[in-house]
PDB file of N, CA and C in Angstrom:
ATOM      1  N   MET A   1      39.937 -10.814  -6.165  1.00  0.00           N
ATOM      2  CA  MET A   1      39.932  -9.586  -6.550  1.00  0.00           C
ATOM      3  C   MET A   1      40.462  -8.569  -5.280  1.00  0.00           C
ATOM      4  N   MET A   2      40.004  -9.200  -3.925  1.00  0.00           N
ATOM      5  CA  MET A   2      40.428  -8.574  -2.668  1.00  0.00           C
ATOM      6  C   MET A   2      42.004  -8.630  -2.876  1.00  0.00           C
ATOM      7  N   ILE A   3      42.777  -9.593  -3.077  1.00  0.00           N
ATOM      8  CA  ILE A   3      44.087  -9.762  -3.026  1.00  0.00           C
ATOM      9  C   ILE A   3      44.702  -8.836  -4.079  1.00  0.00           C
ATOM     10  N   LEU A   4      44.120  -8.674  -5.098  1.00  0.00           N
ATOM     11  CA  LEU A   4      44.884  -7.406  -6.021  1.00  0.00           C
ATOM     12  C   LEU A   4      44.522  -6.111  -5.711  1.00  0.00           C
ATOM     13  N   LEU A   5      43.586  -6.014  -4.902  1.00  0.00           N
ATOM     14  CA  LEU A   5      43.185  -4.407  -4.155  1.00  0.00           C
ATOM     15  C   LEU A   5      44.262  -4.329  -2.847  1.00  0.00           C
ATOM     16  N   LEU A   6      44.585  -5.388  -2.282  1.00  0.00           N
ATOM     17  CA  LEU A   6      45.557  -5.161  -1.090  1.00  0.00           C
ATOM     18  C   LEU A   6      46.723  -4.860  -1.801  1.00  0.00           C
ATOM     19  N   THR A   7      47.262  -5.889  -2.688  1.00  0.00           N
ATOM     20  CA  THR A   7      48.692  -5.606  -3.553  1.00  0.00           C
ATOM     21  C   THR A   7      48.789  -4.372  -3.887  1.00  0.00           C
ATOM     22  N   SER A   8      47.906  -3.742  -4.533  1.00  0.00           N
ATOM     23  CA  SER A   8      47.801  -2.235  -5.172  1.00  0.00           C
ATOM     24  C   SER A   8      48.099  -1.449  -4.016  1.00  0.00           C
ATOM     25  N   SER A   9      47.447  -1.588  -2.978  1.00  0.00           N
ATOM     26  CA  SER A   9      47.446  -0.653  -1.893  1.00  0.00           C
ATOM     27  C   SER A   9      48.661  -0.438  -1.195  1.00  0.00           C
ATOM     28  N   CYS A  10      49.107  -1.820  -0.955  1.00  0.00           N
ATOM     29  CA  CYS A  10      50.635  -1.748  -0.419  1.00  0.00           C
ATOM     30  C   CYS A  10      51.718  -1.133  -1.633  1.00  0.00           C
ATOM     31  N   ALA A  11      51.611  -1.402  -2.698  1.00  0.00           N
ATOM     32  CA  ALA A  11      52.533  -0.957  -3.585  1.00  0.00           C
ATOM     33  C   ALA A  11      52.686   0.377  -3.686  1.00  0.00           C
ATOM     34  N   SER A  12      51.310   0.941  -3.516  1.00  0.00           N
ATOM     35  CA  SER A  12      51.291   2.515  -3.336  1.00  0.00           C
ATOM     36  C   SER A  12      51.713   3.326  -2.304  1.00  0.00           C
ATOM     37  N   LEU A  13      51.296   2.244  -1.118  1.00  0.00           N
ATOM     38  CA  LEU A  13      51.984   3.025   0.116  1.00  0.00           C
ATOM     39  C   LEU A  13      53.654   2.895   0.367  1.00  0.00           C
ATOM     40  N   ASN A  14      54.215   1.727  -0.197  1.00  0.00           N
ATOM     41  CA  ASN A  14      55.538   1.528  -0.188  1.00  0.00           C
ATOM     42  C   ASN A  14      56.255   2.857  -1.146  1.00  0.00           C
ATOM     43  N   GLN A  15      55.617   3.143  -2.374  1.00  0.00           N
ATOM     44  CA  GLN A  15      55.944   4.085  -3.245  1.00  0.00           C
ATOM     45  C   GLN A  15      55.788   5.462  -2.401  1.00  0.00           C
ATOM     46  N   LYS A  16      54.966   5.890  -1.704  1.00  0.00           N
ATOM     47  CA  LYS A  16      54.784   7.236  -1.062  1.00  0.00           C
ATOM     48  C   LYS A  16      55.704   7.126  -0.081  1.00  0.00           C
ATOM     49  N   GLN A  17      56.257   6.180   0.860  1.00  0.00           N
ATOM     50  CA  GLN A  17      57.060   6.144   1.895  1.00  0.00           C
ATOM     51  C   GLN A  17      58.317   6.352   1.093  1.00  0.00           C
ATOM     52  N   LYS A  18      58.690   5.857   0.119  1.00  0.00           N
ATOM     53  CA  LYS A  18      60.064   5.993  -0.448  1.00  0.00           C
ATOM     54  C   LYS A  18      60.170   7.342  -0.695  1.00  0.00           C
ATOM     55  N   ILE A  19      58.926   7.773  -1.281  1.00  0.00           N
ATOM     56  CA  ILE A  19      59.325   9.487  -1.828  1.00  0.00           C
ATOM     57  C   ILE A  19      59.285  10.626  -0.662  1.00  0.00           C
ATOM     58  N   GLU A  20      58.639  10.169   0.520  1.00  0.00           N
ATOM     59  CA  GLU A  20      58.905  11.091   1.496  1.00  0.00           C
ATOM     60  C   GLU A  20      60.490  10.422   2.320  1.00  0.00           C
ATOM     61  N   THR A  21      60.606   9.527   2.536  1.00  0.00           N
ATOM     62  CA  THR A  21      62.055   9.144   2.885  1.00  0.00           C
ATOM     63  C   THR A  21      63.138  10.104   1.904  1.00  0.00           C
ATOM     64  N   VAL A  22      62.990  10.010   0.596  1.00  0.00           N
ATOM     65  CA  VAL A  22      64.041  10.739  -0.203  1.00  0.00           C
ATOM     66  C   VAL A  22      63.688  12.227   0.101  1.00  0.00           C
ATOM     67  N   SER A  23      62.608  12.767   0.414  1.00  0.00           N
ATOM     68  CA  SER A  23      62.440  14.080   0.270  1.00  0.00           C
ATOM     69  C   SER A  23      63.013  14.368   1.883  1.00  0.00           C
ATOM     70  N   ASP A  24      62.791  13.691   2.519  1.00  0.00           N
ATOM     71  CA  ASP A  24      63.375  13.928   4.295  1.00  0.00           C
ATOM     72  C   ASP A  24      64.937  14.007   3.917  1.00  0.00           C
ATOM     73  N   PHE A  25      65.409  13.020   3.675  1.00  0.00           N
ATOM     74  CA  PHE A  25      66.937  12.730   3.245  1.00  0.00           C
ATOM     75  C   PHE A  25      67.545  14.066   2.505  1.00  0.00           C
ATOM     76  N   CYS A  26      66.654  14.662   1.560  1.00  0.00           N
ATOM     77  CA  CYS A  26      67.261  15.916   0.819  1.00  0.00           C
ATOM     78  C   CYS A  26      67.121  17.051   1.579  1.00  0.00           C
ATOM     79  N   SER A  27      66.089  17.277   2.606  1.00  0.00           N
ATOM     80  CA  SER A  27      66.049  18.270   3.044  1.00  0.00           C
ATOM     81  C   SER A  27      66.859  18.415   4.275  1.00  0.00           C
ATOM     82  N   ARG A  28      67.341  17.303   4.818  1.00  0.00           N
ATOM     83  CA  ARG A  28      68.264  17.333   6.010  1.00  0.00           C
ATOM     84  C   ARG A  28      69.690  16.991   5.809  1.00  0.00           C
ATOM     85  N   TYR A  29      70.043  16.660   4.488  1.00  0.00           N
ATOM     86  CA  TYR A  29      71.186  16.318   4.302  1.00  0.00           C
ATOM     87  C   TYR A  29      72.207  17.493   4.244  1.00  0.00           C
ATOM     88  N   ASN A  30      73.516  17.435   4.771  1.00  0.00           N
ATOM     89  CA  ASN A  30      74.511  18.312   4.683  1.00  0.00           C
ATOM     90  C   ASN A  30      75.777  17.687   3.785  1.00  0.00           C
ATOM     91  N   GLN A  31      76.096  18.113   2.597  1.00  0.00           N
ATOM     92  CA  GLN A  31      77.204  18.036   1.864  1.00  0.00           C
ATOM     93  C   GLN A  31      78.354  17.934   2.560  1.00  0.00           C
ATOM     94  N   VAL A  32      79.116  16.766   2.861  1.00  0.00           N
ATOM     95  CA  VAL A  32      80.371  16.661   3.249  1.00  0.00           C
ATOM     96  C   VAL A  32      81.432  17.072   2.257  1.00  0.00           C
ATOM     97  N   ILE A  33      81.328  16.684   1.238  1.00  0.00           N
ATOM     98  CA  ILE A  33      82.604  17.033   0.183  1.00  0.00           C
ATOM     99  C   ILE A  33      81.915  18.105  -0.700  1.00  0.00           C
ATOM    100  N   GLN A  34      82.324  19.232  -0.345  1.00  0.00           N
ATOM    101  CA  GLN A  34      81.890  20.522  -1.154  1.00  0.00           C
ATOM    102  C   GLN A  34      82.771  21.217  -2.064  1.00  0.00           C
ATOM    103  N   SER A  35      84.089  20.771  -1.983  1.00  0.00           N
ATOM    104  CA  SER A  35      84.998  21.239  -2.858  1.00  0.00           C
ATOM    105  C   SER A  35      86.059  20.184  -3.133  1.00  0.00           C
ATOM    106  N   LYS A  36      86.992  20.345  -4.085  1.00  0.00           N
ATOM    107  CA  LYS A  36      87.906  19.226  -4.593  1.00  0.00           C
ATOM    108  C   LYS A  36      88.666  18.551  -3.526  1.00  0.00           C
ATOM    109  N   GLY A  37      89.306  19.426  -2.486  1.00  0.00           N
ATOM    110  CA  GLY A  37      89.970  18.855  -1.588  1.00  0.00           C
ATOM    111  C   GLY A  37      89.411  18.306  -0.303  1.00  0.00           C
ATOM    112  N   ASP A  38      88.146  18.550  -0.398  1.00  0.00           N
ATOM    113  CA  ASP A  38      87.415  17.624   0.793  1.00  0.00           C
ATOM    114  C   ASP A  38      87.301  16.162   0.787  1.00  0.00           C
ATOM    115  N   SER A  39      87.689  15.627  -0.622  1.00  0.00           N
ATOM    116  CA  SER A  39      87.826  14.180  -0.582  1.00  0.00           C
ATOM    117  C   SER A  39      88.968  13.513   0.259  1.00  0.00           C
ATOM    118  N   ASP A  40      89.850  14.325   0.590  1.00  0.00           N
ATOM    119  CA  ASP A  40      91.038  13.756   1.213  1.00  0.00           C
ATOM    120  C   ASP A  40      90.872  13.886   2.750  1.00  0.00           C
ATOM    121  N   ILE A  41      89.725  13.624   3.409  1.00  0.00           N
ATOM    122  CA  ILE A  41      89.086  13.185   4.403  1.00  0.00           C
ATOM    123  C   ILE A  41      89.952  12.154   5.068  1.00  0.00           C
ATOM    124  N   LYS A  42      90.484  12.663   6.237  1.00  0.00           N
ATOM    125  CA  LYS A  42      91.348  11.165   7.254  1.00  0.00           C
ATOM    126  C   LYS A  42      90.225  10.500   8.009  1.00  0.00           C
ATOM    127  N   ALA A  43      90.331   9.276   7.347  1.00  0.00           N
ATOM    128  CA  ALA A  43      89.266   8.274   8.144  1.00  0.00           C
ATOM    129  C   ALA A  43      89.495   7.154   7.583  1.00  0.00           C
ATOM    130  N   ASN A  44      88.703   5.971   8.355  1.00  0.00           N
ATOM    131  CA  ASN A  44      88.705   4.495   7.793  1.00  0.00           C
ATOM    132  C   ASN A  44      87.963   4.746   6.344  1.00  0.00           C
ATOM    133  N   ILE A  45      88.564   3.625   5.532  1.00  0.00           N
ATOM    134  CA  ILE A  45      88.112   3.463   4.523  1.00  0.00           C
ATOM    135  C   ILE A  45      86.664   3.180   4.291  1.00  0.00           C
ATOM    136  N   LEU A  46      86.049   2.347   5.201  1.00  0.00           N
ATOM    137  CA  LEU A  46      84.591   2.345   5.182  1.00  0.00           C
ATOM    138  C   LEU A  46      83.898   3.495   5.536  1.00  0.00           C
ATOM    139  N   VAL A  47      84.257   4.362   6.308  1.00  0.00           N
ATOM    140  CA  VAL A  47      83.568   5.575   6.619  1.00  0.00           C
ATOM    141  C   VAL A  47      83.596   6.319   5.096  1.00  0.00           C
ATOM    142  N   LYS A  48      84.840   6.395   4.389  1.00  0.00           N
ATOM    143  CA  LYS A  48      84.898   7.261   3.389  1.00  0.00           C
ATOM    144  C   LYS A  48      83.736   6.614   2.409  1.00  0.00           C
ATOM    145  N   LYS A  49      83.612   5.464   2.181  1.00  0.00           N
ATOM    146  CA  LYS A  49      82.637   4.714   1.233  1.00  0.00           C
ATOM    147  C   LYS A  49      81.264   5.273   1.699  1.00  0.00           C
ATOM    148  N   ARG A  50      80.992   5.135   2.949  1.00  0.00           N
ATOM    149  CA  ARG A  50      79.815   5.669   3.145  1.00  0.00           C
ATOM    150  C   ARG A  50      79.220   7.038   3.007  1.00  0.00           C
ATOM    151  N   ILE A  51      80.316   7.935   3.289  1.00  0.00           N
ATOM    152  CA  ILE A  51      80.319   9.434   2.859  1.00  0.00           C
ATOM    153  C   ILE A  51      80.047   9.691   1.160  1.00  0.00           C
ATOM    154  N   ALA A  52      80.994   8.776   0.542  1.00  0.00           N
ATOM    155  CA  ALA A  52      80.961   9.011  -1.017  1.00  0.00           C
ATOM    156  C   ALA A  52      79.573   8.312  -1.579  1.00  0.00           C
ATOM    157  N   ALA A  53      78.895   7.376  -0.642  1.00  0.00           N
ATOM    158  CA  ALA A  53      77.667   6.720  -1.211  1.00  0.00           C
ATOM    159  C   ALA A  53      76.513   7.891  -0.963  1.00  0.00           C
ATOM    160  N   ASN A  54      76.708   8.594   0.291  1.00  0.00           N
ATOM    161  CA  ASN A  54      75.741   9.551   0.784  1.00  0.00           C
ATOM    162  C   ASN A  54      75.846  10.783  -0.410  1.00  0.00           C
ATOM    163  N   GLU A  55      76.979  11.055  -0.443  1.00  0.00           N
ATOM    164  CA  GLU A  55      76.880  12.376  -1.737  1.00  0.00           C
ATOM    165  C   GLU A  55      76.560  11.876  -2.996  1.00  0.00           C
ATOM    166  N   ILE A  56      76.556  10.579  -3.617  1.00  0.00           N
ATOM    167  CA  ILE A  56      76.190   9.999  -4.708  1.00  0.00           C
ATOM    168  C   ILE A  56      74.732  10.037  -4.798  1.00  0.00           C
ATOM    169  N   ASP A  57      74.084   9.555  -3.524  1.00  0.00           N
ATOM    170  CA  ASP A  57      72.674   9.858  -3.405  1.00  0.00           C
ATOM    171  C   ASP A  57      71.865  10.951  -3.299  1.00  0.00           C
ATOM    172  N   TYR A  58      72.758  11.934  -2.641  1.00  0.00           N
ATOM    173  CA  TYR A  58      72.312  13.485  -2.678  1.00  0.00           C
ATOM    174  C   TYR A  58      72.373  13.986  -3.942  1.00  0.00           C
ATOM    175  N   LYS A  59      73.382  13.859  -4.687  1.00  0.00           N
ATOM    176  CA  LYS A  59      73.568  14.275  -6.076  1.00  0.00           C
ATOM    177  C   LYS A  59      72.387  13.830  -7.124  1.00  0.00           C
ATOM    178  N   CYS A  60      72.166  12.613  -6.879  1.00  0.00           N
ATOM    179  CA  CYS A  60      71.327  11.855  -8.028  1.00  0.00           C
ATOM    180  C   CYS A  60      69.875  11.804  -7.596  1.00  0.00           C
ATOM    181  N   ASN A  61      69.600  11.945  -6.255  1.00  0.00           N
ATOM    182  CA  ASN A  61      68.136  11.966  -6.167  1.00  0.00           C
ATOM    183  C   ASN A  61      67.581  13.720  -5.762  1.00  0.00           C
ATOM    184  N   CYS A  62      68.483  14.079  -5.132  1.00  0.00           N
ATOM    185  CA  CYS A  62      67.898  15.637  -4.790  1.00  0.00           C
ATOM    186  C   CYS A  62      68.307  16.712  -5.498  1.00  0.00           C
ATOM    187  N   LEU A  63      69.472  16.673  -6.212  1.00  0.00           N
ATOM    188  CA  LEU A  63      69.849  17.631  -7.075  1.00  0.00           C
ATOM    189  C   LEU A  63      69.551  17.064  -8.550  1.00  0.00           C
ATOM    190  N   LYS A  64      68.845  15.872  -8.687  1.00  0.00           N
ATOM    191  CA  LYS A  64      68.461  15.524 -10.017  1.00  0.00           C
ATOM    192  C   LYS A  64      69.444  15.204 -11.193  1.00  0.00           C
ATOM    193  N   LEU A  65      70.826  15.025 -10.875  1.00  0.00           N
ATOM    194  CA  LEU A  65      72.004  14.852 -11.733  1.00  0.00           C
ATOM    195  C   LEU A  65      71.602  13.913 -12.776  1.00  0.00           C
ATOM    196  N   LYS A  66      71.958  13.692 -14.054  1.00  0.00           N
ATOM    197  CA  LYS A  66      71.699  12.757 -14.915  1.00  0.00           C
ATOM    198  C   LYS A  66      73.114  12.202 -15.456  1.00  0.00           C
ATOM    199  N   GLU A  67      74.015  11.960 -14.168  1.00  0.00           N
ATOM    200  CA  GLU A  67      75.270  11.335 -14.557  1.00  0.00           C
ATOM    201  C   GLU A  67      75.028   9.768 -14.840  1.00  0.00           C
ATOM    202  N   ALA A  68      76.043   9.068 -15.291  1.00  0.00           N
ATOM    203  CA  ALA A  68      75.774   7.732 -15.698  1.00  0.00           C
ATOM    204  C   ALA A  68      75.954   6.779 -14.384  1.00  0.00           C
ATOM    205  N   TYR A  69      76.586   7.378 -13.204  1.00  0.00           N
ATOM    206  CA  TYR A  69      76.597   6.680 -12.313  1.00  0.00           C
ATOM    207  C   TYR A  69      75.323   6.797 -11.456  1.00  0.00           C
ATOM    208  N   CYS A  70      74.654   7.444 -11.629  1.00  0.00           N
ATOM    209  CA  CYS A  70      73.256   7.692 -11.056  1.00  0.00           C
ATOM    210  C   CYS A  70      72.508   6.509 -11.241  1.00  0.00           C
ATOM    211  N   ALA A  71      72.547   5.890 -12.402  1.00  0.00           N
ATOM    212  CA  ALA A  71      71.765   4.782 -13.040  1.00  0.00           C
ATOM    213  C   ALA A  71      72.265   3.643 -12.219  1.00  0.00           C
ATOM    214  N   LEU A  72      73.278   3.480 -11.858  1.00  0.00           N
ATOM    215  CA  LEU A  72      73.989   2.255 -11.278  1.00  0.00           C
ATOM    216  C   LEU A  72      73.065   1.715  -9.927  1.00  0.00           C
ATOM    217  N   GLY A  73      72.434   2.617  -9.146  1.00  0.00           N
ATOM    218  CA  GLY A  73      71.766   2.184  -8.077  1.00  0.00           C
ATOM    219  C   GLY A  73      70.114   1.888  -8.407  1.00  0.00           C
ATOM    220  N   ILE A  74      69.813   1.941  -9.487  1.00  0.00           N
ATOM    221  CA  ILE A  74      68.253   2.051  -9.871  1.00  0.00           C
ATOM    222  C   ILE A  74      67.905   0.439 -10.083  1.00  0.00           C
ATOM    223  N   VAL A  75      66.940   0.063  -9.420  1.00  0.00           N
ATOM    224  CA  VAL A  75      66.753  -1.364  -9.613  1.00  0.00           C
ATOM    225  C   VAL A  75      65.350  -1.498 -10.644  1.00  0.00           C
ATOM    226  N   LYS A  76      65.422  -1.783 -11.670  1.00  0.00           N
ATOM    227  CA  LYS A  76      64.009  -1.622 -12.505  1.00  0.00           C
ATOM    228  C   LYS A  76      63.241  -2.943 -12.574  1.00  0.00           C
TER     229      LYS A  76
END
């Protein structure tokens, strides 16, 4: 019984931390790509990939877009 209680407590704590992390990300994030030409940023390909991933995270988690690409990162 104690193990079950501990497991459920840890699961709810992890969920709460995830929600707070997403909320913090949403409140602090500055969109880099704001118009069509902004994607032509001169940078290393790895930097461009990180920027694009952050933009997708922002759009899917903060703006709550329901695009197909938003489901790609969800683990069920």
